[in-house]
C-alpha cells in the first residue's frame, strides 16, 4: 500500500490541515521552505506546531514548532522586545525601514548605539542584527 501524507497545524486554540495526499518528501519540502514565513497557515500558527500525518494510519510522522521571530533592541543592560512572533522577513524589513527614523524604540536614547536584532522565538538564535542609528 502506498501511503500518503498531510501537513497539519495545531496550537492551543485550533487546528488546520492542508487536506493533502502527498509524499512524505513533498510534505518535508513544504515545511522546510515555508516554516518561519507568513505563507499559508504558518502565519496563523507561530508558536504552535506543524506536523506530517499519515492519511492511512493517522500516525504523526514528524513534528516541529512553527517558527516566529521578534525584534529585540538592546544596549548594555537595557533591552526591549516587540513580542510580535512574525516572519523573519517581516522583522528584518521593519528594522531596515525604521532604523534611523526615530520611530518606536529607535527614538529611545537608551538604545542609540546599541543593536537591534531579529531573534528566533524557539531557539533564541539571533538571525539578523544591525547597530541602532
C-alpha atoms as a PDB file:
ATOM      1  CA  UNK A   1       0.000   0.000   0.000  1.00  0.00           C
ATOM      2  CA  UNK A   2       1.338   3.443  -0.913  1.00  0.00           C
ATOM      3  CA  UNK A   3       0.909   5.784   1.999  1.00  0.00           C
ATOM      4  CA  UNK A   4       0.040   9.455   1.593  1.00  0.00           C
ATOM      5  CA  UNK A   5       0.655  12.312   3.986  1.00  0.00           C
ATOM      6  CA  UNK A   6      -0.889  15.606   5.032  1.00  0.00           C
ATOM      7  CA  UNK A   7       0.506  18.676   6.788  1.00  0.00           C
ATOM      8  CA  UNK A   8      -1.343  19.611   9.989  1.00  0.00           C
ATOM      9  CA  UNK A   9      -1.087  22.822  12.060  1.00  0.00           C
ATOM     10  CA  UNK A  10      -2.013  22.923  15.769  1.00  0.00           C
ATOM     11  CA  UNK A  11      -1.877  25.360  18.650  1.00  0.00           C
ATOM     12  CA  UNK A  12      -3.756  25.723  21.946  1.00  0.00           C
ATOM     13  CA  UNK A  13      -6.827  27.134  20.192  1.00  0.00           C
ATOM     14  CA  UNK A  14      -7.299  25.494  16.811  1.00  0.00           C
ATOM     15  CA  UNK A  15      -6.150  23.046  14.175  1.00  0.00           C
ATOM     16  CA  UNK A  16      -5.999  23.109  10.382  1.00  0.00           C
ATOM     17  CA  UNK A  17      -4.684  20.768   7.765  1.00  0.00           C
ATOM     18  CA  UNK A  18      -3.762  21.217   4.122  1.00  0.00           C
ATOM     19  CA  UNK A  19      -6.008  18.333   3.042  1.00  0.00           C
ATOM     20  CA  UNK A  20      -3.185  16.786   1.049  1.00  0.00           C
ATOM     21  CA  UNK A  21      -2.462  13.267  -0.127  1.00  0.00           C
ATOM     22  CA  UNK A  22       1.237  13.877  -0.807  1.00  0.00           C
ATOM     23  CA  UNK A  23       4.507  12.030  -0.482  1.00  0.00           C
ATOM     24  CA  UNK A  24       6.483  12.324   2.716  1.00  0.00           C
ATOM     25  CA  UNK A  25       9.229  14.160   0.806  1.00  0.00           C
ATOM     26  CA  UNK A  26       6.810  16.777  -0.561  1.00  0.00           C
ATOM     27  CA  UNK A  27       5.496  17.458   2.956  1.00  0.00           C
ATOM     28  CA  UNK A  28       9.028  17.843   4.357  1.00  0.00           C
ATOM     29  CA  UNK A  29       9.981  20.128   1.468  1.00  0.00           C
ATOM     30  CA  UNK A  30       6.899  22.273   2.094  1.00  0.00           C
ATOM     31  CA  UNK A  31       7.669  22.677   5.805  1.00  0.00           C
ATOM     32  CA  UNK A  32      11.357  23.393   5.187  1.00  0.00           C
ATOM     33  CA  UNK A  33      10.541  26.020   2.549  1.00  0.00           C
ATOM     34  CA  UNK A  34       7.785  27.797   4.483  1.00  0.00           C
ATOM     35  CA  UNK A  35       8.332  27.483   8.251  1.00  0.00           C
ATOM     36  CA  UNK A  36       9.191  30.939   9.583  1.00  0.00           C
ATOM     37  CA  UNK A  37       7.355  32.745   6.776  1.00  0.00           C
ATOM     38  CA  UNK A  38       3.851  34.149   6.535  1.00  0.00           C
ATOM     39  CA  UNK A  39       2.877  31.657   3.824  1.00  0.00           C
ATOM     40  CA  UNK A  40      -0.243  29.543   4.257  1.00  0.00           C
ATOM     41  CA  UNK A  41      -1.148  28.596   7.837  1.00  0.00           C
ATOM     42  CA  UNK A  42       2.379  29.335   9.070  1.00  0.00           C
ATOM     43  CA  UNK A  43       1.331  32.944   9.758  1.00  0.00           C
ATOM     44  CA  UNK A  44      -1.565  31.821  11.995  1.00  0.00           C
ATOM     45  CA  UNK A  45       0.245  29.128  13.971  1.00  0.00           C
ATOM     46  CA  UNK A  46       3.521  30.772  15.046  1.00  0.00           C
ATOM     47  CA  UNK A  47       4.446  29.166  18.369  1.00  0.00           C
ATOM     48  CA  UNK A  48       2.249  26.167  17.605  1.00  0.00           C
ATOM     49  CA  UNK A  49       3.330  23.026  15.800  1.00  0.00           C
ATOM     50  CA  UNK A  50       3.309  21.792  12.235  1.00  0.00           C
ATOM     51  CA  UNK A  51       3.146  18.036  11.716  1.00  0.00           C
ATOM     52  CA  UNK A  52       3.228  15.471   8.973  1.00  0.00           C
ATOM     53  CA  UNK A  53       0.486  12.894   9.470  1.00  0.00           C
ATOM     54  CA  UNK A  54      -0.066   9.650   7.576  1.00  0.00           C
ATOM     55  CA  UNK A  55      -3.534   9.714   5.989  1.00  0.00           C
ATOM     56  CA  UNK A  56      -3.954   5.946   6.226  1.00  0.00           C
ATOM     57  CA  UNK A  57      -2.865   5.389   9.851  1.00  0.00           C
ATOM     58  CA  UNK A  58      -3.322   8.863  11.447  1.00  0.00           C
ATOM     59  CA  UNK A  59       0.224   8.429  12.785  1.00  0.00           C
ATOM     60  CA  UNK A  60       2.207  11.623  13.320  1.00  0.00           C
ATOM     61  CA  UNK A  61       5.435  11.045  11.402  1.00  0.00           C
ATOM     62  CA  UNK A  62       7.168  14.349  12.127  1.00  0.00           C
ATOM     63  CA  UNK A  63       6.535  17.479  14.179  1.00  0.00           C
ATOM     64  CA  UNK A  64       8.276  20.805  14.769  1.00  0.00           C
ATOM     65  CA  UNK A  65       7.430  24.209  16.186  1.00  0.00           C
ATOM     66  CA  UNK A  66       6.160  26.838  13.792  1.00  0.00           C
ATOM     67  CA  UNK A  67       8.870  29.470  13.845  1.00  0.00           C
ATOM     68  CA  UNK A  68       8.165  33.023  14.885  1.00  0.00           C
ATOM     69  CA  UNK A  69      10.641  35.868  15.143  1.00  0.00           C
ATOM     70  CA  UNK A  70      10.800  39.019  17.233  1.00  0.00           C
ATOM     71  CA  UNK A  71      12.668  42.299  17.107  1.00  0.00           C
ATOM     72  CA  UNK A  72      14.874  42.941  20.140  1.00  0.00           C
ATOM     73  CA  UNK A  73      16.513  46.279  20.989  1.00  0.00           C
ATOM     74  CA  UNK A  74      19.497  46.182  23.348  1.00  0.00           C
ATOM     75  CA  UNK A  75      22.254  48.357  24.720  1.00  0.00           C
ATOM     76  CA  UNK A  76      24.138  47.133  27.780  1.00  0.00           C
ATOM     77  CA  UNK A  77      21.571  46.211  30.445  1.00  0.00           C
ATOM     78  CA  UNK A  78      18.679  47.884  28.609  1.00  0.00           C
ATOM     79  CA  UNK A  79      16.519  45.839  26.268  1.00  0.00           C
ATOM     80  CA  UNK A  80      13.066  45.836  24.749  1.00  0.00           C
ATOM     81  CA  UNK A  81      11.291  43.215  22.667  1.00  0.00           C
ATOM     82  CA  UNK A  82       8.410  43.777  20.244  1.00  0.00           C
ATOM     83  CA  UNK A  83       6.864  40.361  21.157  1.00  0.00           C
ATOM     84  CA  UNK A  84       5.320  40.001  17.710  1.00  0.00           C
ATOM     85  CA  UNK A  85       6.077  36.419  16.644  1.00  0.00           C
ATOM     86  CA  UNK A  86       6.194  37.461  12.998  1.00  0.00           C
ATOM     87  CA  UNK A  87       8.081  36.133   9.983  1.00  0.00           C
ATOM     88  CA  UNK A  88      11.827  36.655   9.748  1.00  0.00           C
ATOM     89  CA  UNK A  89      11.351  38.708   6.581  1.00  0.00           C
ATOM     90  CA  UNK A  90       8.799  40.979   8.285  1.00  0.00           C
ATOM     91  CA  UNK A  91      11.145  41.684  11.213  1.00  0.00           C
ATOM     92  CA  UNK A  92      14.179  42.362   9.010  1.00  0.00           C
ATOM     93  CA  UNK A  93      12.117  44.665   6.799  1.00  0.00           C
ATOM     94  CA  UNK A  94      10.885  46.538   9.887  1.00  0.00           C
ATOM     95  CA  UNK A  95      14.480  47.154  11.032  1.00  0.00           C
ATOM     96  CA  UNK A  96      15.716  48.178   7.612  1.00  0.00           C
ATOM     97  CA  UNK A  97      12.756  50.520   7.129  1.00  0.00           C
ATOM     98  CA  UNK A  98      12.717  52.257  10.527  1.00  0.00           C
ATOM     99  CA  UNK A  99      16.294  52.196  11.869  1.00  0.00           C
ATOM    100  CA  UNK A 100      17.485  55.806  11.987  1.00  0.00           C
ATOM    101  CA  UNK A 101      13.995  57.289  11.569  1.00  0.00           C
ATOM    102  CA  UNK A 102      13.098  57.889  15.223  1.00  0.00           C
ATOM    103  CA  UNK A 103      10.097  55.530  15.100  1.00  0.00           C
ATOM    104  CA  UNK A 104       9.287  53.284  18.084  1.00  0.00           C
ATOM    105  CA  UNK A 105      12.317  52.244  20.163  1.00  0.00           C
ATOM    106  CA  UNK A 106      14.605  53.707  17.506  1.00  0.00           C
ATOM    107  CA  UNK A 107      13.955  57.114  19.130  1.00  0.00           C
ATOM    108  CA  UNK A 108      14.835  55.898  22.641  1.00  0.00           C
ATOM    109  CA  UNK A 109      18.178  57.316  23.765  1.00  0.00           C
ATOM    110  CA  UNK A 110      18.748  54.211  25.915  1.00  0.00           C
ATOM    111  CA  UNK A 111      19.166  52.203  22.721  1.00  0.00           C
ATOM    112  CA  UNK A 112      21.093  54.625  20.458  1.00  0.00           C
ATOM    113  CA  UNK A 113      24.455  52.991  19.695  1.00  0.00           C
ATOM    114  CA  UNK A 114      23.116  49.595  20.730  1.00  0.00           C
ATOM    115  CA  UNK A 115      21.883  46.856  18.459  1.00  0.00           C
ATOM    116  CA  UNK A 116      18.553  45.755  17.086  1.00  0.00           C
ATOM    117  CA  UNK A 117      18.220  42.060  16.359  1.00  0.00           C
ATOM    118  CA  UNK A 118      15.830  39.536  14.896  1.00  0.00           C
ATOM    119  CA  UNK A 119      15.574  36.544  17.228  1.00  0.00           C
ATOM    120  CA  UNK A 120      14.031  33.110  16.626  1.00  0.00           C
ATOM    121  CA  UNK A 121      11.403  32.619  19.372  1.00  0.00           C
ATOM    122  CA  UNK A 122      12.043  28.888  19.605  1.00  0.00           C
ATOM    123  CA  UNK A 123      15.836  28.661  19.586  1.00  0.00           C
ATOM    124  CA  UNK A 124      16.576  32.252  20.727  1.00  0.00           C
ATOM    125  CA  UNK A 125      19.161  32.397  17.939  1.00  0.00           C
ATOM    126  CA  UNK A 126      19.952  35.838  16.528  1.00  0.00           C
ATOM    127  CA  UNK A 127      19.339  35.589  12.784  1.00  0.00           C
ATOM    128  CA  UNK A 128      19.892  39.257  11.875  1.00  0.00           C
ATOM    129  CA  UNK A 129      21.458  42.218  13.666  1.00  0.00           C
ATOM    130  CA  UNK A 130      22.486  45.802  12.987  1.00  0.00           C
ATOM    131  CA  UNK A 131      23.602  48.813  15.001  1.00  0.00           C
ATOM    132  CA  UNK A 132      20.910  51.265  16.026  1.00  0.00           C
ATOM    133  CA  UNK A 133      21.484  54.553  14.208  1.00  0.00           C
END
